[in-house]
PDB file of N, CA and C in Angstrom:
ATOM      1  N   MET A   1     202.643  94.888  99.459  1.00  0.00           N
ATOM      2  CA  MET A   1     201.929  95.407 100.733  1.00  0.00           C
ATOM      3  C   MET A   1     201.559  94.124 101.638  1.00  0.00           C
ATOM      4  N   LYS A   2     201.699  94.431 102.916  1.00  0.00           N
ATOM      5  CA  LYS A   2     201.329  93.364 103.752  1.00  0.00           C
ATOM      6  C   LYS A   2     200.058  93.920 104.567  1.00  0.00           C
ATOM      7  N   THR A   3     199.323  92.951 105.132  1.00  0.00           N
ATOM      8  CA  THR A   3     198.152  93.305 105.950  1.00  0.00           C
ATOM      9  C   THR A   3     198.492  93.082 107.405  1.00  0.00           C
ATOM     10  N   GLY A   4     197.775  93.833 108.248  1.00  0.00           N
ATOM     11  CA  GLY A   4     197.826  93.689 109.682  1.00  0.00           C
ATOM     12  C   GLY A   4     196.464  93.479 110.339  1.00  0.00           C
ATOM     13  N   VAL A   5     196.601  93.361 111.640  1.00  0.00           N
ATOM     14  CA  VAL A   5     195.206  93.334 112.392  1.00  0.00           C
ATOM     15  C   VAL A   5     194.812  94.627 112.888  1.00  0.00           C
ATOM     16  N   VAL A   6     193.534  94.924 112.796  1.00  0.00           N
ATOM     17  CA  VAL A   6     192.976  96.050 113.332  1.00  0.00           C
ATOM     18  C   VAL A   6     191.693  95.675 114.215  1.00  0.00           C
ATOM     19  N   PHE A   7     191.543  96.212 115.355  1.00  0.00           N
ATOM     20  CA  PHE A   7     190.385  96.015 116.231  1.00  0.00           C
ATOM     21  C   PHE A   7     189.530  97.164 116.098  1.00  0.00           C
ATOM     22  N   ASN A   8     188.180  97.015 115.903  1.00  0.00           N
ATOM     23  CA  ASN A   8     187.269  98.018 115.793  1.00  0.00           C
ATOM     24  C   ASN A   8     186.332  98.246 116.987  1.00  0.00           C
ATOM     25  N   VAL A   9     185.998  99.354 117.087  1.00  0.00           N
ATOM     26  CA  VAL A   9     185.090  99.861 118.218  1.00  0.00           C
ATOM     27  C   VAL A   9     183.948 100.554 117.516  1.00  0.00           C
ATOM     28  N   PRO A  10     182.722 100.271 117.708  1.00  0.00           N
ATOM     29  CA  PRO A  10     182.102  99.299 118.509  1.00  0.00           C
ATOM     30  C   PRO A  10     182.187  98.048 117.721  1.00  0.00           C
ATOM     31  N   PRO A  11     182.062  96.838 118.466  1.00  0.00           N
ATOM     32  CA  PRO A  11     181.944  95.515 117.840  1.00  0.00           C
ATOM     33  C   PRO A  11     180.621  95.437 117.110  1.00  0.00           C
ATOM     34  N   ASP A  12     180.524  94.443 116.253  1.00  0.00           N
ATOM     35  CA  ASP A  12     179.353  94.291 115.366  1.00  0.00           C
ATOM     36  C   ASP A  12     178.073  93.820 116.364  1.00  0.00           C
ATOM     37  N   PHE A  13     177.000  94.429 116.069  1.00  0.00           N
ATOM     38  CA  PHE A  13     175.776  94.034 116.898  1.00  0.00           C
ATOM     39  C   PHE A  13     174.578  94.169 116.116  1.00  0.00           C
ATOM     40  N   GLY A  14     173.386  93.336 116.342  1.00  0.00           N
ATOM     41  CA  GLY A  14     172.257  93.482 115.582  1.00  0.00           C
ATOM     42  C   GLY A  14     171.040  92.814 116.329  1.00  0.00           C
ATOM     43  N   VAL A  15     169.937  92.658 115.578  1.00  0.00           N
ATOM     44  CA  VAL A  15     168.888  92.077 116.209  1.00  0.00           C
ATOM     45  C   VAL A  15     168.249  91.100 114.967  1.00  0.00           C
ATOM     46  N   SER A  16     167.516  90.116 115.592  1.00  0.00           N
ATOM     47  CA  SER A  16     166.980  89.109 114.737  1.00  0.00           C
ATOM     48  C   SER A  16     165.490  88.864 115.048  1.00  0.00           C
ATOM     49  N   ILE A  17     164.594  88.881 114.111  1.00  0.00           N
ATOM     50  CA  ILE A  17     163.206  88.559 114.158  1.00  0.00           C
ATOM     51  C   ILE A  17     162.807  87.465 113.352  1.00  0.00           C
ATOM     52  N   THR A  18     162.047  86.471 113.878  1.00  0.00           N
ATOM     53  CA  THR A  18     161.523  85.390 112.846  1.00  0.00           C
ATOM     54  C   THR A  18     160.108  85.332 113.292  1.00  0.00           C
ATOM     55  N   ALA A  19     159.262  85.147 112.183  1.00  0.00           N
ATOM     56  CA  ALA A  19     157.850  84.952 112.304  1.00  0.00           C
ATOM     57  C   ALA A  19     157.504  83.599 111.514  1.00  0.00           C
ATOM     58  N   PRO A  20     156.955  82.679 112.210  1.00  0.00           N
ATOM     59  CA  PRO A  20     156.505  81.448 111.543  1.00  0.00           C
ATOM     60  C   PRO A  20     155.188  81.680 110.698  1.00  0.00           C
ATOM     61  N   PHE A  21     155.027  80.995 109.648  1.00  0.00           N
ATOM     62  CA  PHE A  21     153.733  81.209 108.780  1.00  0.00           C
ATOM     63  C   PHE A  21     152.466  80.718 109.506  1.00  0.00           C
ATOM     64  N   GLY A  22     152.530  79.906 110.554  1.00  0.00           N
ATOM     65  CA  GLY A  22     151.534  79.460 111.274  1.00  0.00           C
ATOM     66  C   GLY A  22     151.833  78.937 112.557  1.00  0.00           C
ATOM     67  N   ALA A  23     150.828  78.538 113.401  1.00  0.00           N
ATOM     68  CA  ALA A  23     151.117  78.077 114.806  1.00  0.00           C
ATOM     69  C   ALA A  23     151.738  76.631 114.609  1.00  0.00           C
ATOM     70  N   GLY A  24     152.717  76.307 115.131  1.00  0.00           N
ATOM     71  CA  GLY A  24     153.598  75.112 115.032  1.00  0.00           C
ATOM     72  C   GLY A  24     154.232  74.810 113.789  1.00  0.00           C
ATOM     73  N   SER A  25     154.272  75.802 112.842  1.00  0.00           N
ATOM     74  CA  SER A  25     154.891  75.580 111.523  1.00  0.00           C
ATOM     75  C   SER A  25     156.404  75.830 111.725  1.00  0.00           C
ATOM     76  N   ASN A  26     157.226  74.978 111.024  1.00  0.00           N
ATOM     77  CA  ASN A  26     158.519  75.129 111.070  1.00  0.00           C
ATOM     78  C   ASN A  26     159.105  75.966 109.782  1.00  0.00           C
ATOM     79  N   ILE A  27     158.175  76.694 109.022  1.00  0.00           N
ATOM     80  CA  ILE A  27     158.456  77.468 108.060  1.00  0.00           C
ATOM     81  C   ILE A  27     158.158  78.995 108.313  1.00  0.00           C
ATOM     82  N   GLY A  28     158.971  79.826 107.967  1.00  0.00           N
ATOM     83  CA  GLY A  28     158.675  81.242 108.443  1.00  0.00           C
ATOM     84  C   GLY A  28     159.616  82.144 107.688  1.00  0.00           C
ATOM     85  N   PHE A  29     159.365  83.521 107.975  1.00  0.00           N
ATOM     86  CA  PHE A  29     160.174  84.596 107.324  1.00  0.00           C
ATOM     87  C   PHE A  29     160.911  85.310 108.564  1.00  0.00           C
ATOM     88  N   GLY A  30     162.139  85.633 108.171  1.00  0.00           N
ATOM     89  CA  GLY A  30     162.975  86.324 109.153  1.00  0.00           C
ATOM     90  C   GLY A  30     163.511  87.505 108.603  1.00  0.00           C
ATOM     91  N   LEU A  31     163.971  88.479 109.534  1.00  0.00           N
ATOM     92  CA  LEU A  31     164.674  89.729 109.242  1.00  0.00           C
ATOM     93  C   LEU A  31     165.657  89.994 110.289  1.00  0.00           C
ATOM     94  N   GLN A  32     166.895  90.160 109.790  1.00  0.00           N
ATOM     95  CA  GLN A  32     167.990  90.653 110.723  1.00  0.00           C
ATOM     96  C   GLN A  32     168.427  91.925 110.307  1.00  0.00           C
ATOM     97  N   ALA A  33     168.681  92.787 111.240  1.00  0.00           N
ATOM     98  CA  ALA A  33     169.428  94.050 110.946  1.00  0.00           C
ATOM     99  C   ALA A  33     170.610  94.225 111.913  1.00  0.00           C
ATOM    100  N   GLY A  34     171.624  94.883 111.413  1.00  0.00           N
ATOM    101  CA  GLY A  34     172.813  94.938 112.235  1.00  0.00           C
ATOM    102  C   GLY A  34     173.762  96.099 111.789  1.00  0.00           C
ATOM    103  N   TYR A  35     174.801  96.240 112.597  1.00  0.00           N
ATOM    104  CA  TYR A  35     175.769  97.285 112.267  1.00  0.00           C
ATOM    105  C   TYR A  35     177.148  96.535 112.445  1.00  0.00           C
ATOM    106  N   ALA A  36     177.863  96.605 111.264  1.00  0.00           N
ATOM    107  CA  ALA A  36     179.170  95.900 111.265  1.00  0.00           C
ATOM    108  C   ALA A  36     180.301  96.851 110.949  1.00  0.00           C
ATOM    109  N   THR A  37     181.502  96.543 111.584  1.00  0.00           N
ATOM    110  CA  THR A  37     182.727  97.402 111.290  1.00  0.00           C
ATOM    111  C   THR A  37     183.726  96.432 110.773  1.00  0.00           C
ATOM    112  N   TYR A  38     184.501  96.945 109.796  1.00  0.00           N
ATOM    113  CA  TYR A  38     185.678  96.105 109.231  1.00  0.00           C
ATOM    114  C   TYR A  38     186.780  97.119 109.268  1.00  0.00           C
ATOM    115  N   GLY A  39     187.998  96.515 109.537  1.00  0.00           N
ATOM    116  CA  GLY A  39     189.129  97.225 109.660  1.00  0.00           C
ATOM    117  C   GLY A  39     190.377  96.475 108.814  1.00  0.00           C
ATOM    118  N   TYR A  40     191.081  97.272 108.153  1.00  0.00           N
ATOM    119  CA  TYR A  40     192.266  96.530 107.419  1.00  0.00           C
ATOM    120  C   TYR A  40     193.439  97.496 107.608  1.00  0.00           C
ATOM    121  N   GLN A  41     194.613  96.847 107.862  1.00  0.00           N
ATOM    122  CA  GLN A  41     195.895  97.484 108.040  1.00  0.00           C
ATOM    123  C   GLN A  41     196.749  97.220 106.674  1.00  0.00           C
ATOM    124  N   MET A  42     197.348  98.167 106.092  1.00  0.00           N
ATOM    125  CA  MET A  42     198.094  97.932 105.009  1.00  0.00           C
ATOM    126  C   MET A  42     199.371  98.610 105.235  1.00  0.00           C
ATOM    127  N   LYS A  43     200.441  97.979 105.055  1.00  0.00           N
ATOM    128  CA  LYS A  43     201.856  98.555 105.221  1.00  0.00           C
ATOM    129  C   LYS A  43     202.815  97.810 104.284  1.00  0.00           C
ATOM    130  N   PRO A  44     203.809  98.539 103.969  1.00  0.00           N
ATOM    131  CA  PRO A  44     204.919  98.065 103.014  1.00  0.00           C
ATOM    132  C   PRO A  44     205.640  96.830 103.467  1.00  0.00           C
ATOM    133  N   GLU A  45     206.091  96.031 102.623  1.00  0.00           N
ATOM    134  CA  GLU A  45     206.901  94.788 102.764  1.00  0.00           C
ATOM    135  C   GLU A  45     208.106  95.181 103.790  1.00  0.00           C
ATOM    136  N   SER A  46     208.771  96.203 103.564  1.00  0.00           N
ATOM    137  CA  SER A  46     209.969  96.589 104.400  1.00  0.00           C
ATOM    138  C   SER A  46     209.871  98.093 104.689  1.00  0.00           C
ATOM    139  N   GLN A  47     210.470  98.440 105.769  1.00  0.00           N
ATOM    140  CA  GLN A  47     210.667  99.783 106.241  1.00  0.00           C
ATOM    141  C   GLN A  47     209.226 100.453 106.610  1.00  0.00           C
ATOM    142  N   ALA A  48     208.402  99.611 107.311  1.00  0.00           N
ATOM    143  CA  ALA A  48     207.127 100.042 107.729  1.00  0.00           C
ATOM    144  C   ALA A  48     207.244 101.025 108.909  1.00  0.00           C
ATOM    145  N   ASN A  49     206.457 102.154 108.762  1.00  0.00           N
ATOM    146  CA  ASN A  49     206.610 103.055 109.988  1.00  0.00           C
ATOM    147  C   ASN A  49     205.186 103.723 110.222  1.00  0.00           C
ATOM    148  N   ASP A  50     205.031 104.674 111.109  1.00  0.00           N
ATOM    149  CA  ASP A  50     203.776 105.275 111.469  1.00  0.00           C
ATOM    150  C   ASP A  50     203.299 106.174 110.265  1.00  0.00           C
ATOM    151  N   LEU A  51     204.193 106.569 109.373  1.00  0.00           N
ATOM    152  CA  LEU A  51     203.680 107.490 108.330  1.00  0.00           C
ATOM    153  C   LEU A  51     203.250 106.694 107.099  1.00  0.00           C
ATOM    154  N   ASN A  52     203.712 105.372 106.870  1.00  0.00           N
ATOM    155  CA  ASN A  52     203.258 104.556 105.580  1.00  0.00           C
ATOM    156  C   ASN A  52     202.506 103.344 105.981  1.00  0.00           C
ATOM    157  N   THR A  53     202.028 103.301 107.302  1.00  0.00           N
ATOM    158  CA  THR A  53     201.202 102.207 107.563  1.00  0.00           C
ATOM    159  C   THR A  53     199.785 102.805 107.727  1.00  0.00           C
ATOM    160  N   VAL A  54     198.833 102.356 107.005  1.00  0.00           N
ATOM    161  CA  VAL A  54     197.398 102.799 106.845  1.00  0.00           C
ATOM    162  C   VAL A  54     196.450 101.933 107.463  1.00  0.00           C
ATOM    163  N   ASN A  55     195.498 102.394 108.283  1.00  0.00           N
ATOM    164  CA  ASN A  55     194.422 101.681 108.772  1.00  0.00           C
ATOM    165  C   ASN A  55     193.190 102.160 108.040  1.00  0.00           C
ATOM    166  N   GLU A  56     192.554 101.192 107.343  1.00  0.00           N
ATOM    167  CA  GLU A  56     191.281 101.474 106.837  1.00  0.00           C
ATOM    168  C   GLU A  56     190.108 101.020 107.595  1.00  0.00           C
ATOM    169  N   MET A  57     189.210 101.805 107.953  1.00  0.00           N
ATOM    170  CA  MET A  57     188.011 101.405 108.713  1.00  0.00           C
ATOM    171  C   MET A  57     186.702 101.706 107.844  1.00  0.00           C
ATOM    172  N   TYR A  58     185.781 100.674 107.874  1.00  0.00           N
ATOM    173  CA  TYR A  58     184.641 100.872 107.188  1.00  0.00           C
ATOM    174  C   TYR A  58     183.462 100.344 107.940  1.00  0.00           C
ATOM    175  N   SER A  59     182.307 100.972 107.911  1.00  0.00           N
ATOM    176  CA  SER A  59     181.082 100.662 108.662  1.00  0.00           C
ATOM    177  C   SER A  59     179.969 100.475 107.703  1.00  0.00           C
ATOM    178  N   PHE A  60     179.022  99.404 108.040  1.00  0.00           N
ATOM    179  CA  PHE A  60     177.910  98.969 107.178  1.00  0.00           C
ATOM    180  C   PHE A  60     176.742  98.836 108.155  1.00  0.00           C
ATOM    181  N   ILE A  61     175.567  99.209 107.536  1.00  0.00           N
ATOM    182  CA  ILE A  61     174.272  98.794 108.167  1.00  0.00           C
ATOM    183  C   ILE A  61     173.727  97.686 107.245  1.00  0.00           C
ATOM    184  N   ASN A  62     173.507  96.523 107.936  1.00  0.00           N
ATOM    185  CA  ASN A  62     173.137  95.315 107.141  1.00  0.00           C
ATOM    186  C   ASN A  62     171.679  94.887 107.378  1.00  0.00           C
ATOM    187  N   MET A  63     171.119  94.487 106.324  1.00  0.00           N
ATOM    188  CA  MET A  63     169.700  94.033 106.324  1.00  0.00           C
ATOM    189  C   MET A  63     169.700  92.707 105.790  1.00  0.00           C
ATOM    190  N   PHE A  64     169.138  91.597 106.433  1.00  0.00           N
ATOM    191  CA  PHE A  64     169.180  90.231 105.912  1.00  0.00           C
ATOM    192  C   PHE A  64     167.764  89.650 106.013  1.00  0.00           C
ATOM    193  N   PRO A  65     166.861  89.826 104.880  1.00  0.00           N
ATOM    194  CA  PRO A  65     165.661  89.239 104.812  1.00  0.00           C
ATOM    195  C   PRO A  65     165.832  87.716 104.455  1.00  0.00           C
ATOM    196  N   HIS A  66     165.128  86.846 105.059  1.00  0.00           N
ATOM    197  CA  HIS A  66     165.322  85.322 104.763  1.00  0.00           C
ATOM    198  C   HIS A  66     164.150  84.530 105.087  1.00  0.00           C
ATOM    199  N   PHE A  67     164.180  83.378 104.545  1.00  0.00           N
ATOM    200  CA  PHE A  67     163.154  82.407 104.788  1.00  0.00           C
ATOM    201  C   PHE A  67     163.790  81.130 105.620  1.00  0.00           C
ATOM    202  N   ASN A  68     163.072  80.703 106.644  1.00  0.00           N
ATOM    203  CA  ASN A  68     163.640  79.665 107.343  1.00  0.00           C
ATOM    204  C   ASN A  68     162.657  78.438 107.077  1.00  0.00           C
ATOM    205  N   ILE A  69     163.314  77.427 106.573  1.00  0.00           N
ATOM    206  CA  ILE A  69     162.561  76.191 106.133  1.00  0.00           C
ATOM    207  C   ILE A  69     163.094  75.132 106.973  1.00  0.00           C
ATOM    208  N   GLY A  70     162.432  74.879 108.172  1.00  0.00           N
ATOM    209  CA  GLY A  70     162.817  73.731 108.935  1.00  0.00           C
ATOM    210  C   GLY A  70     164.321  73.835 109.391  1.00  0.00           C
ATOM    211  N   GLY A  71     164.870  75.003 109.700  1.00  0.00           N
ATOM    212  CA  GLY A  71     166.165  75.212 110.105  1.00  0.00           C
ATOM    213  C   GLY A  71     167.148  75.533 108.977  1.00  0.00           C
ATOM    214  N   PHE A  72     166.733  75.256 107.727  1.00  0.00           N
ATOM    215  CA  PHE A  72     167.528  75.729 106.494  1.00  0.00           C
ATOM    216  C   PHE A  72     167.171  77.110 106.096  1.00  0.00           C
ATOM    217  N   ILE A  73     168.085  77.909 106.295  1.00  0.00           N
ATOM    218  CA  ILE A  73     167.985  79.467 105.981  1.00  0.00           C
ATOM    219  C   ILE A  73     168.468  79.898 104.679  1.00  0.00           C
ATOM    220  N   ILE A  74     167.642  80.550 103.805  1.00  0.00           N
ATOM    221  CA  ILE A  74     168.047  81.037 102.734  1.00  0.00           C
ATOM    222  C   ILE A  74     167.522  82.575 102.420  1.00  0.00           C
ATOM    223  N   GLY A  75     168.461  83.324 102.216  1.00  0.00           N
ATOM    224  CA  GLY A  75     168.142  84.875 102.072  1.00  0.00           C
ATOM    225  C   GLY A  75     169.418  85.583 101.337  1.00  0.00           C
ATOM    226  N   VAL A  76     169.237  86.971 101.427  1.00  0.00           N
ATOM    227  CA  VAL A  76     170.256  87.799 100.836  1.00  0.00           C
ATOM    228  C   VAL A  76     170.563  88.811 101.713  1.00  0.00           C
ATOM    229  N   ASN A  77     171.802  89.118 102.033  1.00  0.00           N
ATOM    230  CA  ASN A  77     172.336  90.160 102.875  1.00  0.00           C
ATOM    231  C   ASN A  77     172.566  91.419 102.206  1.00  0.00           C
ATOM    232  N   PHE A  78     171.952  92.527 102.473  1.00  0.00           N
ATOM    233  CA  PHE A  78     172.211  93.874 101.908  1.00  0.00           C
ATOM    234  C   PHE A  78     173.098  94.703 102.813  1.00  0.00           C
ATOM    235  N   GLY A  79     174.324  95.038 102.453  1.00  0.00           N
ATOM    236  CA  GLY A  79     175.099  95.918 103.409  1.00  0.00           C
ATOM    237  C   GLY A  79     175.221  97.387 102.670  1.00  0.00           C
ATOM    238  N   PHE A  80     174.770  98.290 103.436  1.00  0.00           N
ATOM    239  CA  PHE A  80     174.628  99.785 103.003  1.00  0.00           C
ATOM    240  C   PHE A  80     175.938 100.394 103.813  1.00  0.00           C
ATOM    241  N   PRO A  81     176.799 100.933 103.091  1.00  0.00           N
ATOM    242  CA  PRO A  81     177.953 101.662 103.659  1.00  0.00           C
ATOM    243  C   PRO A  81     177.479 102.946 104.445  1.00  0.00           C
ATOM    244  N   SER A  82     177.952 103.009 105.737  1.00  0.00           N
ATOM    245  CA  SER A  82     177.571 104.237 106.597  1.00  0.00           C
ATOM    246  C   SER A  82     178.658 105.093 106.716  1.00  0.00           C
ATOM    247  N   SER A  83     179.989 104.619 106.836  1.00  0.00           N
ATOM    248  CA  SER A  83     180.975 105.410 106.951  1.00  0.00           C
ATOM    249  C   SER A  83     182.412 104.745 106.669  1.00  0.00           C
ATOM    250  N   GLY A  84     183.415 105.441 106.500  1.00  0.00           N
ATOM    251  CA  GLY A  84     184.693 104.937 106.194  1.00  0.00           C
ATOM    252  C   GLY A  84     185.810 105.935 106.384  1.00  0.00           C
ATOM    253  N   SER A  85     186.961 105.439 106.734  1.00  0.00           N
ATOM    254  CA  SER A  85     188.125 106.370 106.890  1.00  0.00           C
ATOM    255  C   SER A  85     189.368 105.733 106.563  1.00  0.00           C
ATOM    256  N   THR A  86     190.427 106.376 106.205  1.00  0.00           N
ATOM    257  CA  THR A  86     191.830 105.777 105.969  1.00  0.00           C
ATOM    258  C   THR A  86     192.681 106.743 106.594  1.00  0.00           C
ATOM    259  N   ARG A  87     193.456 106.374 107.542  1.00  0.00           N
ATOM    260  CA  ARG A  87     194.393 107.116 108.468  1.00  0.00           C
ATOM    261  C   ARG A  87     195.674 106.386 108.449  1.00  0.00           C
ATOM    262  N   THR A  88     196.788 107.214 108.577  1.00  0.00           N
ATOM    263  CA  THR A  88     197.976 106.400 108.944  1.00  0.00           C
ATOM    264  C   THR A  88     197.996 106.386 110.455  1.00  0.00           C
ATOM    265  N   ILE A  89     198.980 105.421 111.096  1.00  0.00           N
ATOM    266  CA  ILE A  89     199.028 105.181 112.329  1.00  0.00           C
ATOM    267  C   ILE A  89     199.332 106.448 113.224  1.00  0.00           C
ATOM    268  N   LYS A  90     200.100 107.368 112.514  1.00  0.00           N
ATOM    269  CA  LYS A  90     200.335 108.665 113.073  1.00  0.00           C
ATOM    270  C   LYS A  90     198.960 109.577 113.269  1.00  0.00           C
ATOM    271  N   GLY A  91     198.057 109.300 112.446  1.00  0.00           N
ATOM    272  CA  GLY A  91     196.741 110.074 112.502  1.00  0.00           C
ATOM    273  C   GLY A  91     196.401 110.819 111.268  1.00  0.00           C
ATOM    274  N   ASP A  92     197.375 110.969 110.330  1.00  0.00           N
ATOM    275  CA  ASP A  92     197.191 111.628 109.130  1.00  0.00           C
ATOM    276  C   ASP A  92     195.992 111.057 108.182  1.00  0.00           C
ATOM    277  N   THR A  93     195.114 111.766 107.691  1.00  0.00           N
ATOM    278  CA  THR A  93     194.247 111.351 106.680  1.00  0.00           C
ATOM    279  C   THR A  93     194.947 111.021 105.338  1.00  0.00           C
ATOM    280  N   VAL A  94     194.629 109.967 104.659  1.00  0.00           N
ATOM    281  CA  VAL A  94     195.236 109.564 103.356  1.00  0.00           C
ATOM    282  C   VAL A  94     194.060 109.079 102.508  1.00  0.00           C
ATOM    283  N   SER A  95     194.318 109.276 101.262  1.00  0.00           N
ATOM    284  CA  SER A  95     193.414 108.805 100.136  1.00  0.00           C
ATOM    285  C   SER A  95     193.775 107.453  99.669  1.00  0.00           C
ATOM    286  N   MET A  96     193.030 106.597  99.550  1.00  0.00           N
ATOM    287  CA  MET A  96     193.407 105.192  99.042  1.00  0.00           C
ATOM    288  C   MET A  96     193.276 105.085  97.588  1.00  0.00           C
ATOM    289  N   PHE A  97     192.926 106.199  96.962  1.00  0.00           N
ATOM    290  CA  PHE A  97     192.895 106.302  95.530  1.00  0.00           C
ATOM    291  C   PHE A  97     194.312 106.568  95.078  1.00  0.00           C
ATOM    292  N   GLY A  98     195.031 105.449  94.660  1.00  0.00           N
ATOM    293  CA  GLY A  98     196.464 105.553  94.380  1.00  0.00           C
ATOM    294  C   GLY A  98     196.744 104.818  93.042  1.00  0.00           C
ATOM    295  N   THR A  99     197.929 104.324  92.934  1.00  0.00           N
ATOM    296  CA  THR A  99     198.310 103.812  91.611  1.00  0.00           C
ATOM    297  C   THR A  99     198.782 102.324  91.848  1.00  0.00           C
ATOM    298  N   PHE A 100     198.121 101.392  90.949  1.00  0.00           N
ATOM    299  CA  PHE A 100     198.721  99.976  91.123  1.00  0.00           C
ATOM    300  C   PHE A 100     199.518  99.801  89.968  1.00  0.00           C
ATOM    301  N   SER A 101     200.616  99.082  90.201  1.00  0.00           N
ATOM    302  CA  SER A 101     201.440  98.653  89.088  1.00  0.00           C
ATOM    303  C   SER A 101     201.834  97.209  89.231  1.00  0.00           C
ATOM    304  N   ALA A 102     201.825  96.510  88.163  1.00  0.00           N
ATOM    305  CA  ALA A 102     202.279  94.994  88.160  1.00  0.00           C
ATOM    306  C   ALA A 102     203.428  94.798  87.192  1.00  0.00           C
ATOM    307  N   ASP A 103     204.388  93.960  87.676  1.00  0.00           N
ATOM    308  CA  ASP A 103     205.566  93.605  86.806  1.00  0.00           C
ATOM    309  C   ASP A 103     204.989  92.807  85.591  1.00  0.00           C
ATOM    310  N   THR A 104     205.470  93.271  84.554  1.00  0.00           N
ATOM    311  CA  THR A 104     205.094  92.670  83.258  1.00  0.00           C
ATOM    312  C   THR A 104     205.733  91.279  83.022  1.00  0.00           C
ATOM    313  N   ALA A 105     206.592  91.053  83.798  1.00  0.00           N
ATOM    314  CA  ALA A 105     207.195  89.567  83.638  1.00  0.00           C
ATOM    315  C   ALA A 105     206.466  88.547  84.465  1.00  0.00           C
ATOM    316  N   PHE A 106     205.326  89.105  85.164  1.00  0.00           N
ATOM    317  CA  PHE A 106     204.405  88.154  85.989  1.00  0.00           C
ATOM    318  C   PHE A 106     205.180  87.333  87.077  1.00  0.00           C
ATOM    319  N   ASN A 107     206.035  87.949  87.701  1.00  0.00           N
ATOM    320  CA  ASN A 107     206.741  87.346  88.877  1.00  0.00           C
ATOM    321  C   ASN A 107     206.108  87.465  90.101  1.00  0.00           C
ATOM    322  N   GLY A 108     204.937  88.037  89.993  1.00  0.00           N
ATOM    323  CA  GLY A 108     204.106  88.181  91.334  1.00  0.00           C
ATOM    324  C   GLY A 108     204.371  89.490  92.062  1.00  0.00           C
ATOM    325  N   ASP A 109     205.116  90.502  91.509  1.00  0.00           N
ATOM    326  CA  ASP A 109     205.413  91.881  92.095  1.00  0.00           C
ATOM    327  C   ASP A 109     204.280  92.729  91.862  1.00  0.00           C
ATOM    328  N   VAL A 110     203.463  93.113  92.710  1.00  0.00           N
ATOM    329  CA  VAL A 110     202.477  94.199  92.611  1.00  0.00           C
ATOM    330  C   VAL A 110     202.771  95.422  93.632  1.00  0.00           C
ATOM    331  N   THR A 111     202.665  96.466  93.181  1.00  0.00           N
ATOM    332  CA  THR A 111     202.930  97.625  94.219  1.00  0.00           C
ATOM    333  C   THR A 111     201.762  98.623  94.223  1.00  0.00           C
ATOM    334  N   TYR A 112     201.507  99.148  95.327  1.00  0.00           N
ATOM    335  CA  TYR A 112     200.508 100.240  95.373  1.00  0.00           C
ATOM    336  C   TYR A 112     201.042 101.446  96.109  1.00  0.00           C
ATOM    337  N   ASP A 113     200.761 102.605  95.661  1.00  0.00           N
ATOM    338  CA  ASP A 113     201.232 103.808  96.202  1.00  0.00           C
ATOM    339  C   ASP A 113     199.947 104.636  96.458  1.00  0.00           C
ATOM    340  N   PHE A 114     199.824 104.962  97.794  1.00  0.00           N
ATOM    341  CA  PHE A 114     198.615 105.737  98.173  1.00  0.00           C
ATOM    342  C   PHE A 114     199.065 107.229  98.316  1.00  0.00           C
ATOM    343  N   ASN A 115     198.032 107.988  98.082  1.00  0.00           N
ATOM    344  CA  ASN A 115     198.195 109.559  97.999  1.00  0.00           C
ATOM    345  C   ASN A 115     197.832 110.160  99.352  1.00  0.00           C
ATOM    346  N   ARG A 116     198.614 111.034  99.808  1.00  0.00           N
ATOM    347  CA  ARG A 116     198.089 111.766 101.078  1.00  0.00           C
ATOM    348  C   ARG A 116     197.206 112.900 100.684  1.00  0.00           C
ATOM    349  N   ASP A 117     196.122 113.106 101.446  1.00  0.00           N
ATOM    350  CA  ASP A 117     195.288 114.201 101.230  1.00  0.00           C
ATOM    351  C   ASP A 117     196.010 115.476 101.536  1.00  0.00           C
ATOM    352  N   PRO A 118     195.778 116.714 100.832  1.00  0.00           N
ATOM    353  CA  PRO A 118     196.469 117.811 101.037  1.00  0.00           C
ATOM    354  C   PRO A 118     196.109 118.517 102.473  1.00  0.00           C
TER     355      PRO A 118
END
């Protein structure tokens, strides 16, 4: 499989809030919230067409609580999936639950067959 470029609409966006622990303090707590979209295009190595080239689109709502210590930020991002779709370029819905197979000679050949939804 090869990968390709996919542009997403809407672009990522979010808001950031930082609250210092005291007046003039360079230490504080922050929270960022956002909406992120990711897209992947999967197509065969050869003979790619509109029926076997798949665009995967995923959206997440992200929350990033963190501490800001003099400009050093430490925290954890939580991404909550909000939507996802897999479609061929032609527009057919497909399932990405397919079959992986690897060559037992370990020459690097890995294949993936996706299943079309009925």
